[in-house]
Amino acid sequence: MPGLNVRFTEEELEALRARAEAEGTSMQAIAHEAVVRAISERSRLFEDAAAHVLEVSGELNRRLA
């Protein structure tokens, strides 16, 4: 599986380490989940915006017809 190197400050790395320990998981799992969540959120926001534009455009087109 392809990988990615990510750099953190000492403080960020310590916070990540503490969170992983508190959740009983790995730092890699926490980082992976955060990236996947960010990607999914961006897609959801785009889909919501596109749906809104289609709705508004449809309403405008009905008025102009």
PDB file of N, CA and C in Angstrom:
ATOM      1  N   MET A   1       0.857  -1.177   0.000  1.00  0.00           N
ATOM      2  CA  MET A   1       0.000   0.000   0.000  1.00  0.00           C
ATOM      3  C   MET A   1       0.900   1.235   0.000  1.00  0.00           C
ATOM      4  N   PRO A   2       0.587   2.228  -0.831  1.00  0.00           N
ATOM      5  CA  PRO A   2       1.383   3.459  -0.856  1.00  0.00           C
ATOM      6  C   PRO A   2       1.327   4.169   0.497  1.00  0.00           C
ATOM      7  N   GLY A   3       2.346   4.954   0.767  1.00  0.00           N
ATOM      8  CA  GLY A   3       2.418   5.672   2.037  1.00  0.00           C
ATOM      9  C   GLY A   3       2.691   7.144   1.825  1.00  0.00           C
ATOM     10  N   LEU A   4       2.676   7.869   2.916  1.00  0.00           N
ATOM     11  CA  LEU A   4       2.891   9.308   2.888  1.00  0.00           C
ATOM     12  C   LEU A   4       3.624   9.694   4.161  1.00  0.00           C
ATOM     13  N   ASN A   5       4.680  10.469   4.016  1.00  0.00           N
ATOM     14  CA  ASN A   5       5.377  10.989   5.190  1.00  0.00           C
ATOM     15  C   ASN A   5       4.790  12.351   5.544  1.00  0.00           C
ATOM     16  N   VAL A   6       4.448  12.519   6.791  1.00  0.00           N
ATOM     17  CA  VAL A   6       3.867  13.779   7.267  1.00  0.00           C
ATOM     18  C   VAL A   6       4.742  14.286   8.403  1.00  0.00           C
ATOM     19  N   ARG A   7       5.069  15.555   8.363  1.00  0.00           N
ATOM     20  CA  ARG A   7       5.909  16.149   9.409  1.00  0.00           C
ATOM     21  C   ARG A   7       5.033  16.889  10.421  1.00  0.00           C
ATOM     22  N   PHE A   8       5.401  16.745  11.682  1.00  0.00           N
ATOM     23  CA  PHE A   8       4.694  17.387  12.782  1.00  0.00           C
ATOM     24  C   PHE A   8       5.699  18.128  13.651  1.00  0.00           C
ATOM     25  N   THR A   9       5.221  19.155  14.344  1.00  0.00           N
ATOM     26  CA  THR A   9       6.058  19.773  15.366  1.00  0.00           C
ATOM     27  C   THR A   9       6.132  18.791  16.540  1.00  0.00           C
ATOM     28  N   GLU A  10       7.052  19.034  17.439  1.00  0.00           N
ATOM     29  CA  GLU A  10       7.158  18.169  18.625  1.00  0.00           C
ATOM     30  C   GLU A  10       5.856  18.176  19.420  1.00  0.00           C
ATOM     31  N   GLU A  11       5.238  19.358  19.529  1.00  0.00           N
ATOM     32  CA  GLU A  11       3.987  19.485  20.285  1.00  0.00           C
ATOM     33  C   GLU A  11       2.865  18.713  19.606  1.00  0.00           C
ATOM     34  N   GLU A  12       2.765  18.829  18.276  1.00  0.00           N
ATOM     35  CA  GLU A  12       1.727  18.103  17.545  1.00  0.00           C
ATOM     36  C   GLU A  12       1.914  16.605  17.665  1.00  0.00           C
ATOM     37  N   LEU A  13       3.149  16.167  17.555  1.00  0.00           N
ATOM     38  CA  LEU A  13       3.443  14.739  17.653  1.00  0.00           C
ATOM     39  C   LEU A  13       3.120  14.214  19.045  1.00  0.00           C
ATOM     40  N   GLU A  14       3.426  14.984  20.060  1.00  0.00           N
ATOM     41  CA  GLU A  14       3.111  14.562  21.426  1.00  0.00           C
ATOM     42  C   GLU A  14       1.603  14.491  21.631  1.00  0.00           C
ATOM     43  N   ALA A  15       0.864  15.460  21.082  1.00  0.00           N
ATOM     44  CA  ALA A  15      -0.596  15.433  21.189  1.00  0.00           C
ATOM     45  C   ALA A  15      -1.167  14.221  20.460  1.00  0.00           C
ATOM     46  N   LEU A  16      -0.615  13.914  19.305  1.00  0.00           N
ATOM     47  CA  LEU A  16      -1.056  12.746  18.546  1.00  0.00           C
ATOM     48  C   LEU A  16      -0.758  11.469  19.325  1.00  0.00           C
ATOM     49  N   ARG A  17       0.416  11.391  19.893  1.00  0.00           N
ATOM     50  CA  ARG A  17       0.814  10.222  20.690  1.00  0.00           C
ATOM     51  C   ARG A  17      -0.135  10.047  21.879  1.00  0.00           C
ATOM     52  N   ALA A  18      -0.442  11.145  22.571  1.00  0.00           N
ATOM     53  CA  ALA A  18      -1.333  11.084  23.734  1.00  0.00           C
ATOM     54  C   ALA A  18      -2.737  10.649  23.328  1.00  0.00           C
ATOM     55  N   ARG A  19      -3.207  11.169  22.220  1.00  0.00           N
ATOM     56  CA  ARG A  19      -4.559  10.801  21.757  1.00  0.00           C
ATOM     57  C   ARG A  19      -4.623   9.329  21.391  1.00  0.00           C
ATOM     58  N   ALA A  20      -3.622   8.864  20.668  1.00  0.00           N
ATOM     59  CA  ALA A  20      -3.585   7.457  20.274  1.00  0.00           C
ATOM     60  C   ALA A  20      -3.550   6.557  21.509  1.00  0.00           C
ATOM     61  N   GLU A  21      -2.739   6.939  22.484  1.00  0.00           N
ATOM     62  CA  GLU A  21      -2.652   6.148  23.710  1.00  0.00           C
ATOM     63  C   GLU A  21      -3.992   6.146  24.444  1.00  0.00           C
ATOM     64  N   ALA A  22      -4.637   7.304  24.526  1.00  0.00           N
ATOM     65  CA  ALA A  22      -5.925   7.409  25.217  1.00  0.00           C
ATOM     66  C   ALA A  22      -7.003   6.575  24.525  1.00  0.00           C
ATOM     67  N   GLU A  23      -6.924   6.485  23.197  1.00  0.00           N
ATOM     68  CA  GLU A  23      -7.923   5.721  22.446  1.00  0.00           C
ATOM     69  C   GLU A  23      -7.522   4.264  22.251  1.00  0.00           C
ATOM     70  N   GLY A  24      -6.328   3.910  22.689  1.00  0.00           N
ATOM     71  CA  GLY A  24      -5.874   2.540  22.542  1.00  0.00           C
ATOM     72  C   GLY A  24      -5.644   2.139  21.097  1.00  0.00           C
ATOM     73  N   THR A  25      -5.156   3.079  20.304  1.00  0.00           N
ATOM     74  CA  THR A  25      -4.905   2.815  18.896  1.00  0.00           C
ATOM     75  C   THR A  25      -3.544   3.389  18.516  1.00  0.00           C
ATOM     76  N   SER A  26      -3.204   3.284  17.248  1.00  0.00           N
ATOM     77  CA  SER A  26      -1.904   3.783  16.808  1.00  0.00           C
ATOM     78  C   SER A  26      -1.996   5.227  16.324  1.00  0.00           C
ATOM     79  N   MET A  27      -0.861   5.890  16.329  1.00  0.00           N
ATOM     80  CA  MET A  27      -0.807   7.252  15.792  1.00  0.00           C
ATOM     81  C   MET A  27      -1.149   7.225  14.301  1.00  0.00           C
ATOM     82  N   GLN A  28      -0.689   6.206  13.609  1.00  0.00           N
ATOM     83  CA  GLN A  28      -0.969   6.072  12.177  1.00  0.00           C
ATOM     84  C   GLN A  28      -2.474   5.960  11.932  1.00  0.00           C
ATOM     85  N   ALA A  29      -3.166   5.182  12.748  1.00  0.00           N
ATOM     86  CA  ALA A  29      -4.615   5.024  12.583  1.00  0.00           C
ATOM     87  C   ALA A  29      -5.338   6.348  12.807  1.00  0.00           C
ATOM     88  N   ILE A  30      -4.911   7.104  13.817  1.00  0.00           N
ATOM     89  CA  ILE A  30      -5.528   8.411  14.094  1.00  0.00           C
ATOM     90  C   ILE A  30      -5.300   9.350  12.909  1.00  0.00           C
ATOM     91  N   ALA A  31      -4.071   9.420  12.409  1.00  0.00           N
ATOM     92  CA  ALA A  31      -3.749  10.305  11.291  1.00  0.00           C
ATOM     93  C   ALA A  31      -4.507   9.889  10.032  1.00  0.00           C
ATOM     94  N   HIS A  32      -4.568   8.596   9.766  1.00  0.00           N
ATOM     95  CA  HIS A  32      -5.281   8.100   8.590  1.00  0.00           C
ATOM     96  C   HIS A  32      -6.754   8.470   8.656  1.00  0.00           C
ATOM     97  N   GLU A  33      -7.371   8.253   9.805  1.00  0.00           N
ATOM     98  CA  GLU A  33      -8.787   8.580   9.985  1.00  0.00           C
ATOM     99  C   GLU A  33      -9.035  10.073   9.766  1.00  0.00           C
ATOM    100  N   ALA A  34      -8.142  10.921  10.257  1.00  0.00           N
ATOM    101  CA  ALA A  34      -8.299  12.373  10.096  1.00  0.00           C
ATOM    102  C   ALA A  34      -8.234  12.775   8.626  1.00  0.00           C
ATOM    103  N   VAL A  35      -7.320  12.183   7.882  1.00  0.00           N
ATOM    104  CA  VAL A  35      -7.189  12.510   6.463  1.00  0.00           C
ATOM    105  C   VAL A  35      -8.415  12.033   5.693  1.00  0.00           C
ATOM    106  N   VAL A  36      -8.849  10.813   5.949  1.00  0.00           N
ATOM    107  CA  VAL A  36     -10.028  10.281   5.256  1.00  0.00           C
ATOM    108  C   VAL A  36     -11.258  11.118   5.579  1.00  0.00           C
ATOM    109  N   ARG A  37     -11.395  11.521   6.833  1.00  0.00           N
ATOM    110  CA  ARG A  37     -12.527  12.366   7.234  1.00  0.00           C
ATOM    111  C   ARG A  37     -12.482  13.715   6.517  1.00  0.00           C
ATOM    112  N   ALA A  38     -11.298  14.311   6.391  1.00  0.00           N
ATOM    113  CA  ALA A  38     -11.154  15.593   5.699  1.00  0.00           C
ATOM    114  C   ALA A  38     -11.526  15.462   4.224  1.00  0.00           C
ATOM    115  N   ILE A  39     -11.095  14.382   3.597  1.00  0.00           N
ATOM    116  CA  ILE A  39     -11.423  14.150   2.185  1.00  0.00           C
ATOM    117  C   ILE A  39     -12.925  13.973   2.024  1.00  0.00           C
ATOM    118  N   SER A  40     -13.527  13.189   2.879  1.00  0.00           N
ATOM    119  CA  SER A  40     -14.967  12.933   2.803  1.00  0.00           C
ATOM    120  C   SER A  40     -15.759  14.210   3.032  1.00  0.00           C
ATOM    121  N   GLU A  41     -15.337  15.021   3.977  1.00  0.00           N
ATOM    122  CA  GLU A  41     -16.036  16.276   4.282  1.00  0.00           C
ATOM    123  C   GLU A  41     -15.983  17.218   3.095  1.00  0.00           C
ATOM    124  N   ARG A  42     -14.835  17.297   2.447  1.00  0.00           N
ATOM    125  CA  ARG A  42     -14.703  18.172   1.280  1.00  0.00           C
ATOM    126  C   ARG A  42     -15.652  17.715   0.162  1.00  0.00           C
ATOM    127  N   SER A  43     -15.747  16.417  -0.071  1.00  0.00           N
ATOM    128  CA  SER A  43     -16.653  15.880  -1.086  1.00  0.00           C
ATOM    129  C   SER A  43     -18.099  16.179  -0.722  1.00  0.00           C
ATOM    130  N   ARG A  44     -18.436  16.006   0.555  1.00  0.00           N
ATOM    131  CA  ARG A  44     -19.808  16.261   0.988  1.00  0.00           C
ATOM    132  C   ARG A  44     -20.169  17.730   0.812  1.00  0.00           C
ATOM    133  N   LEU A  45     -19.245  18.623   1.155  1.00  0.00           N
ATOM    134  CA  LEU A  45     -19.508  20.055   0.994  1.00  0.00           C
ATOM    135  C   LEU A  45     -19.718  20.402  -0.477  1.00  0.00           C
ATOM    136  N   PHE A  46     -18.917  19.813  -1.365  1.00  0.00           N
ATOM    137  CA  PHE A  46     -19.069  20.059  -2.798  1.00  0.00           C
ATOM    138  C   PHE A  46     -20.425  19.558  -3.280  1.00  0.00           C
ATOM    139  N   GLU A  47     -20.796  18.364  -2.874  1.00  0.00           N
ATOM    140  CA  GLU A  47     -22.088  17.805  -3.287  1.00  0.00           C
ATOM    141  C   GLU A  47     -23.248  18.643  -2.772  1.00  0.00           C
ATOM    142  N   ASP A  48     -23.153  19.120  -1.543  1.00  0.00           N
ATOM    143  CA  ASP A  48     -24.199  19.988  -0.989  1.00  0.00           C
ATOM    144  C   ASP A  48     -24.298  21.292  -1.779  1.00  0.00           C
ATOM    145  N   ALA A  49     -23.152  21.880  -2.121  1.00  0.00           N
ATOM    146  CA  ALA A  49     -23.151  23.131  -2.889  1.00  0.00           C
ATOM    147  C   ALA A  49     -23.725  22.902  -4.281  1.00  0.00           C
ATOM    148  N   ALA A  50     -23.352  21.819  -4.925  1.00  0.00           N
ATOM    149  CA  ALA A  50     -23.867  21.513  -6.264  1.00  0.00           C
ATOM    150  C   ALA A  50     -25.374  21.309  -6.224  1.00  0.00           C
ATOM    151  N   ALA A  51     -25.863  20.606  -5.220  1.00  0.00           N
ATOM    152  CA  ALA A  51     -27.312  20.389  -5.094  1.00  0.00           C
ATOM    153  C   ALA A  51     -28.030  21.714  -4.895  1.00  0.00           C
ATOM    154  N   HIS A  52     -27.450  22.598  -4.104  1.00  0.00           N
ATOM    155  CA  HIS A  52     -28.057  23.908  -3.875  1.00  0.00           C
ATOM    156  C   HIS A  52     -28.113  24.716  -5.176  1.00  0.00           C
ATOM    157  N   VAL A  53     -27.036  24.727  -5.937  1.00  0.00           N
ATOM    158  CA  VAL A  53     -27.001  25.458  -7.210  1.00  0.00           C
ATOM    159  C   VAL A  53     -28.048  24.900  -8.165  1.00  0.00           C
ATOM    160  N   LEU A  54     -28.164  23.587  -8.242  1.00  0.00           N
ATOM    161  CA  LEU A  54     -29.170  22.988  -9.118  1.00  0.00           C
ATOM    162  C   LEU A  54     -30.584  23.365  -8.691  1.00  0.00           C
ATOM    163  N   GLU A  55     -30.818  23.380  -7.396  1.00  0.00           N
ATOM    164  CA  GLU A  55     -32.141  23.746  -6.882  1.00  0.00           C
ATOM    165  C   GLU A  55     -32.475  25.200  -7.215  1.00  0.00           C
ATOM    166  N   VAL A  56     -31.540  26.100  -6.950  1.00  0.00           N
ATOM    167  CA  VAL A  56     -31.763  27.520  -7.216  1.00  0.00           C
ATOM    168  C   VAL A  56     -31.889  27.766  -8.712  1.00  0.00           C
ATOM    169  N   SER A  57     -31.064  27.122  -9.506  1.00  0.00           N
ATOM    170  CA  SER A  57     -31.130  27.294 -10.962  1.00  0.00           C
ATOM    171  C   SER A  57     -32.446  26.785 -11.510  1.00  0.00           C
ATOM    172  N   GLY A  58     -32.906  25.659 -10.991  1.00  0.00           N
ATOM    173  CA  GLY A  58     -34.183  25.106 -11.448  1.00  0.00           C
ATOM    174  C   GLY A  58     -35.325  26.055 -11.150  1.00  0.00           C
ATOM    175  N   GLU A  59     -35.299  26.619  -9.956  1.00  0.00           N
ATOM    176  CA  GLU A  59     -36.337  27.578  -9.573  1.00  0.00           C
ATOM    177  C   GLU A  59     -36.285  28.809 -10.476  1.00  0.00           C
ATOM    178  N   LEU A  60     -35.105  29.313 -10.754  1.00  0.00           N
ATOM    179  CA  LEU A  60     -34.943  30.479 -11.622  1.00  0.00           C
ATOM    180  C   LEU A  60     -35.398  30.152 -13.045  1.00  0.00           C
ATOM    181  N   ASN A  61     -35.031  28.987 -13.533  1.00  0.00           N
ATOM    182  CA  ASN A  61     -35.448  28.593 -14.883  1.00  0.00           C
ATOM    183  C   ASN A  61     -36.963  28.486 -14.992  1.00  0.00           C
ATOM    184  N   ARG A  62     -37.626  27.984 -13.970  1.00  0.00           N
ATOM    185  CA  ARG A  62     -39.102  27.919 -13.978  1.00  0.00           C
ATOM    186  C   ARG A  62     -39.703  29.309 -14.034  1.00  0.00           C
ATOM    187  N   ARG A  63     -39.121  30.239 -13.291  1.00  0.00           N
ATOM    188  CA  ARG A  63     -39.632  31.610 -13.302  1.00  0.00           C
ATOM    189  C   ARG A  63     -39.444  32.282 -14.651  1.00  0.00           C
ATOM    190  N   LEU A  64     -38.319  31.992 -15.311  1.00  0.00           N
ATOM    191  CA  LEU A  64     -38.019  32.623 -16.605  1.00  0.00           C
ATOM    192  C   LEU A  64     -38.779  31.991 -17.756  1.00  0.00           C
ATOM    193  N   ALA A  65     -39.282  30.805 -17.586  1.00  0.00           N
ATOM    194  CA  ALA A  65     -39.966  30.082 -18.682  1.00  0.00           C
ATOM    195  C   ALA A  65     -41.340  30.645 -18.953  1.00  0.00           C
TER     196      ALA A  65
END
